[in-house]
């Protein structure tokens, strides 16, 4: 999976670079290469990367709840009246 994502990113960056090199000669073709590279980065590589990196992690650890903010600040947990 790691190598597939790297291949998509390299192909997208190459496509964008090639599109910018064509920009003065064939504008319509250049825009297609630039757009295709952008789509590859943001609609293929980014979601695959995020899926791969977030596997096995708990989403609640990353939410900004009052309890998590207190943990980050190093303050003790707030006691409620019913405890």
N, C-alpha and C. Protein backbone atom coordinates (compact mmCIF):
# COMPACT_ATOMS: atom_id res chain seq x y z
N UNK A 1 0.83 -1.19 0.00
CA UNK A 1 0.00 0.00 0.00
C UNK A 1 0.88 1.25 0.00
N UNK A 2 1.96 1.21 0.78
CA UNK A 2 2.85 2.36 0.88
C UNK A 2 3.44 2.71 -0.50
N UNK A 3 3.82 1.69 -1.24
CA UNK A 3 4.44 1.91 -2.54
C UNK A 3 3.43 2.40 -3.58
N UNK A 4 2.20 1.96 -3.45
CA UNK A 4 1.15 2.42 -4.37
C UNK A 4 0.90 3.91 -4.16
N UNK A 5 0.83 4.33 -2.90
CA UNK A 5 0.60 5.74 -2.60
C UNK A 5 1.77 6.57 -3.11
N UNK A 6 2.99 6.10 -2.89
CA UNK A 6 4.17 6.82 -3.37
C UNK A 6 4.15 6.92 -4.89
N UNK A 7 3.77 5.86 -5.57
CA UNK A 7 3.70 5.86 -7.02
C UNK A 7 2.65 6.87 -7.52
N UNK A 8 1.50 6.92 -6.86
CA UNK A 8 0.44 7.87 -7.25
C UNK A 8 0.92 9.31 -7.05
N UNK A 9 1.59 9.58 -5.93
CA UNK A 9 2.09 10.93 -5.67
C UNK A 9 3.13 11.33 -6.71
N UNK A 10 4.07 10.44 -7.00
CA UNK A 10 5.10 10.76 -8.00
C UNK A 10 4.49 10.97 -9.38
N UNK A 11 3.54 10.12 -9.76
CA UNK A 11 2.89 10.27 -11.06
C UNK A 11 2.10 11.59 -11.13
N UNK A 12 1.45 11.95 -10.03
CA UNK A 12 0.68 13.20 -10.01
C UNK A 12 1.60 14.41 -10.11
N UNK A 13 2.69 14.39 -9.35
CA UNK A 13 3.63 15.52 -9.40
C UNK A 13 4.29 15.63 -10.77
N UNK A 14 4.60 14.49 -11.37
CA UNK A 14 5.17 14.48 -12.72
C UNK A 14 4.17 15.05 -13.72
N UNK A 15 2.92 14.67 -13.59
CA UNK A 15 1.88 15.17 -14.49
C UNK A 15 1.71 16.69 -14.35
N UNK A 16 1.73 17.17 -13.12
CA UNK A 16 1.60 18.62 -12.90
C UNK A 16 2.81 19.34 -13.49
N UNK A 17 4.00 18.82 -13.26
CA UNK A 17 5.21 19.43 -13.81
C UNK A 17 5.21 19.44 -15.33
N UNK A 18 4.80 18.33 -15.93
CA UNK A 18 4.72 18.26 -17.39
C UNK A 18 3.68 19.24 -17.93
N UNK A 19 2.57 19.37 -17.21
CA UNK A 19 1.54 20.33 -17.63
C UNK A 19 2.06 21.76 -17.61
N UNK A 20 2.83 22.11 -16.59
CA UNK A 20 3.39 23.46 -16.53
C UNK A 20 4.44 23.67 -17.61
N UNK A 21 5.16 22.63 -18.00
CA UNK A 21 6.14 22.78 -19.08
C UNK A 21 5.45 22.96 -20.43
N UNK A 22 4.24 22.42 -20.61
CA UNK A 22 3.49 22.54 -21.86
C UNK A 22 2.65 23.83 -21.93
N UNK A 23 2.56 24.53 -20.84
CA UNK A 23 1.58 25.62 -20.72
C UNK A 23 1.69 26.66 -21.84
N UNK A 24 2.86 26.95 -22.29
CA UNK A 24 3.00 28.01 -23.31
C UNK A 24 2.70 27.50 -24.72
N UNK A 25 2.89 26.20 -24.95
CA UNK A 25 2.67 25.69 -26.30
C UNK A 25 1.23 25.23 -26.53
N UNK A 26 0.73 24.37 -25.68
CA UNK A 26 -0.61 23.81 -25.85
C UNK A 26 -1.37 23.97 -24.53
N UNK A 27 -2.10 25.05 -24.43
CA UNK A 27 -2.74 25.40 -23.17
C UNK A 27 -3.82 24.39 -22.75
N UNK A 28 -4.63 23.93 -23.67
CA UNK A 28 -5.71 22.99 -23.33
C UNK A 28 -5.15 21.66 -22.83
N UNK A 29 -4.13 21.16 -23.49
CA UNK A 29 -3.51 19.90 -23.08
C UNK A 29 -2.80 20.07 -21.73
N UNK A 30 -2.17 21.21 -21.54
CA UNK A 30 -1.47 21.48 -20.28
C UNK A 30 -2.45 21.49 -19.11
N UNK A 31 -3.60 22.11 -19.30
CA UNK A 31 -4.60 22.17 -18.23
C UNK A 31 -5.11 20.78 -17.86
N UNK A 32 -5.21 19.88 -18.84
CA UNK A 32 -5.64 18.51 -18.56
C UNK A 32 -4.61 17.77 -17.71
N UNK A 33 -3.33 17.95 -18.01
CA UNK A 33 -2.29 17.30 -17.22
C UNK A 33 -2.24 17.86 -15.80
N UNK A 34 -2.34 19.17 -15.68
CA UNK A 34 -2.32 19.79 -14.35
C UNK A 34 -3.54 19.34 -13.54
N UNK A 35 -4.70 19.34 -14.15
CA UNK A 35 -5.92 18.90 -13.46
C UNK A 35 -5.88 17.43 -13.09
N UNK A 36 -5.37 16.60 -13.97
CA UNK A 36 -5.26 15.17 -13.67
C UNK A 36 -4.30 14.91 -12.51
N UNK A 37 -3.20 15.64 -12.48
CA UNK A 37 -2.25 15.50 -11.37
C UNK A 37 -2.86 15.95 -10.06
N UNK A 38 -3.63 17.02 -10.09
CA UNK A 38 -4.28 17.52 -8.88
C UNK A 38 -5.32 16.52 -8.38
N UNK A 39 -6.08 15.97 -9.27
CA UNK A 39 -7.08 14.95 -8.90
C UNK A 39 -6.38 13.73 -8.30
N UNK A 40 -5.28 13.34 -8.89
CA UNK A 40 -4.53 12.20 -8.37
C UNK A 40 -4.05 12.43 -6.95
N UNK A 41 -3.57 13.64 -6.69
CA UNK A 41 -3.08 13.95 -5.34
C UNK A 41 -4.20 13.99 -4.32
N UNK A 42 -5.26 14.73 -4.63
CA UNK A 42 -6.27 15.00 -3.62
C UNK A 42 -7.42 13.99 -3.55
N UNK A 43 -7.69 13.29 -4.63
CA UNK A 43 -8.79 12.33 -4.60
C UNK A 43 -8.33 10.88 -4.55
N UNK A 44 -7.05 10.63 -4.80
CA UNK A 44 -6.54 9.26 -4.71
C UNK A 44 -5.50 9.11 -3.60
N UNK A 45 -4.42 9.88 -3.69
CA UNK A 45 -3.31 9.70 -2.76
C UNK A 45 -3.67 10.11 -1.34
N UNK A 46 -4.31 11.25 -1.17
CA UNK A 46 -4.62 11.73 0.18
C UNK A 46 -5.57 10.79 0.94
N UNK A 47 -6.71 10.37 0.36
CA UNK A 47 -7.57 9.44 1.10
C UNK A 47 -6.90 8.10 1.40
N UNK A 48 -6.11 7.58 0.45
CA UNK A 48 -5.41 6.32 0.71
C UNK A 48 -4.40 6.47 1.85
N UNK A 49 -3.69 7.58 1.86
CA UNK A 49 -2.72 7.84 2.92
C UNK A 49 -3.42 7.97 4.28
N UNK A 50 -4.50 8.73 4.32
CA UNK A 50 -5.22 8.91 5.58
C UNK A 50 -5.80 7.59 6.09
N UNK A 51 -6.31 6.78 5.20
CA UNK A 51 -6.84 5.47 5.59
C UNK A 51 -5.73 4.59 6.17
N UNK A 52 -4.59 4.58 5.50
CA UNK A 52 -3.48 3.75 5.95
C UNK A 52 -2.95 4.19 7.30
N UNK A 53 -2.85 5.48 7.52
CA UNK A 53 -2.27 5.99 8.76
C UNK A 53 -3.25 5.94 9.94
N UNK A 54 -4.54 5.97 9.68
CA UNK A 54 -5.51 6.02 10.78
C UNK A 54 -6.01 4.64 11.19
N UNK A 55 -5.56 3.59 10.54
CA UNK A 55 -6.01 2.24 10.88
C UNK A 55 -5.59 1.90 12.30
N UNK A 56 -6.55 1.43 13.11
CA UNK A 56 -6.25 0.98 14.46
C UNK A 56 -6.19 2.09 15.50
N UNK A 57 -6.52 3.31 15.14
CA UNK A 57 -6.48 4.41 16.10
C UNK A 57 -7.90 4.76 16.54
N UNK A 58 -8.03 5.17 17.78
CA UNK A 58 -9.34 5.55 18.32
C UNK A 58 -9.60 7.01 18.03
N UNK A 59 -10.74 7.31 17.44
CA UNK A 59 -11.08 8.68 17.09
C UNK A 59 -11.32 9.54 18.32
N UNK A 60 -11.79 8.94 19.42
CA UNK A 60 -12.07 9.70 20.63
C UNK A 60 -10.81 10.31 21.24
N UNK A 61 -9.65 9.73 20.98
CA UNK A 61 -8.41 10.29 21.50
C UNK A 61 -8.05 11.62 20.84
N UNK A 62 -8.60 11.89 19.67
CA UNK A 62 -8.24 13.08 18.92
C UNK A 62 -9.30 14.18 18.95
N UNK A 63 -10.44 13.92 19.60
CA UNK A 63 -11.49 14.91 19.70
C UNK A 63 -11.17 15.90 20.81
N UNK A 64 -11.54 17.15 20.64
CA UNK A 64 -11.28 18.18 21.64
C UNK A 64 -12.42 18.24 22.65
N UNK A 65 -12.51 17.21 23.46
CA UNK A 65 -13.48 17.23 24.55
C UNK A 65 -12.84 17.92 25.75
N UNK A 66 -13.65 18.27 26.73
CA UNK A 66 -13.13 18.96 27.92
C UNK A 66 -12.09 18.09 28.64
N UNK A 67 -12.36 16.80 28.69
CA UNK A 67 -11.43 15.88 29.36
C UNK A 67 -10.08 15.83 28.65
N UNK A 68 -10.09 15.75 27.33
CA UNK A 68 -8.84 15.70 26.57
C UNK A 68 -8.07 17.01 26.65
N UNK A 69 -8.78 18.14 26.67
CA UNK A 69 -8.11 19.43 26.80
C UNK A 69 -7.43 19.53 28.15
N UNK A 70 -8.09 19.05 29.20
CA UNK A 70 -7.49 19.07 30.54
C UNK A 70 -6.24 18.18 30.60
N UNK A 71 -6.29 17.03 29.93
CA UNK A 71 -5.12 16.15 29.87
C UNK A 71 -3.95 16.86 29.20
N UNK A 72 -4.22 17.56 28.10
CA UNK A 72 -3.16 18.26 27.37
C UNK A 72 -2.56 19.39 28.20
N UNK A 73 -3.39 20.05 29.00
CA UNK A 73 -2.92 21.15 29.82
C UNK A 73 -2.26 20.66 31.11
N UNK A 74 -2.41 19.40 31.43
CA UNK A 74 -1.81 18.84 32.63
C UNK A 74 -2.61 19.12 33.89
N UNK A 75 -3.86 19.50 33.75
CA UNK A 75 -4.72 19.76 34.89
C UNK A 75 -5.41 18.48 35.32
N UNK A 76 -5.77 18.37 36.60
CA UNK A 76 -6.49 17.17 37.06
C UNK A 76 -7.91 17.16 36.50
N UNK A 77 -8.50 15.98 36.35
CA UNK A 77 -9.88 15.90 35.84
C UNK A 77 -10.85 16.62 36.77
N UNK A 78 -11.83 17.23 36.19
CA UNK A 78 -12.83 17.98 36.94
C UNK A 78 -13.79 16.99 37.61
N UNK A 79 -14.04 17.18 38.91
CA UNK A 79 -14.96 16.31 39.64
C UNK A 79 -16.36 16.86 39.53
N UNK A 80 -17.32 15.98 39.31
CA UNK A 80 -18.70 16.40 39.22
C UNK A 80 -19.39 16.23 40.58
N UNK A 81 -20.59 16.76 40.71
CA UNK A 81 -21.32 16.72 41.98
C UNK A 81 -21.78 15.32 42.37
N UNK A 82 -22.01 14.46 41.42
CA UNK A 82 -22.56 13.14 41.74
C UNK A 82 -21.49 12.09 42.04
N UNK A 83 -20.25 12.45 42.21
CA UNK A 83 -19.20 11.48 42.52
C UNK A 83 -18.91 11.41 43.99
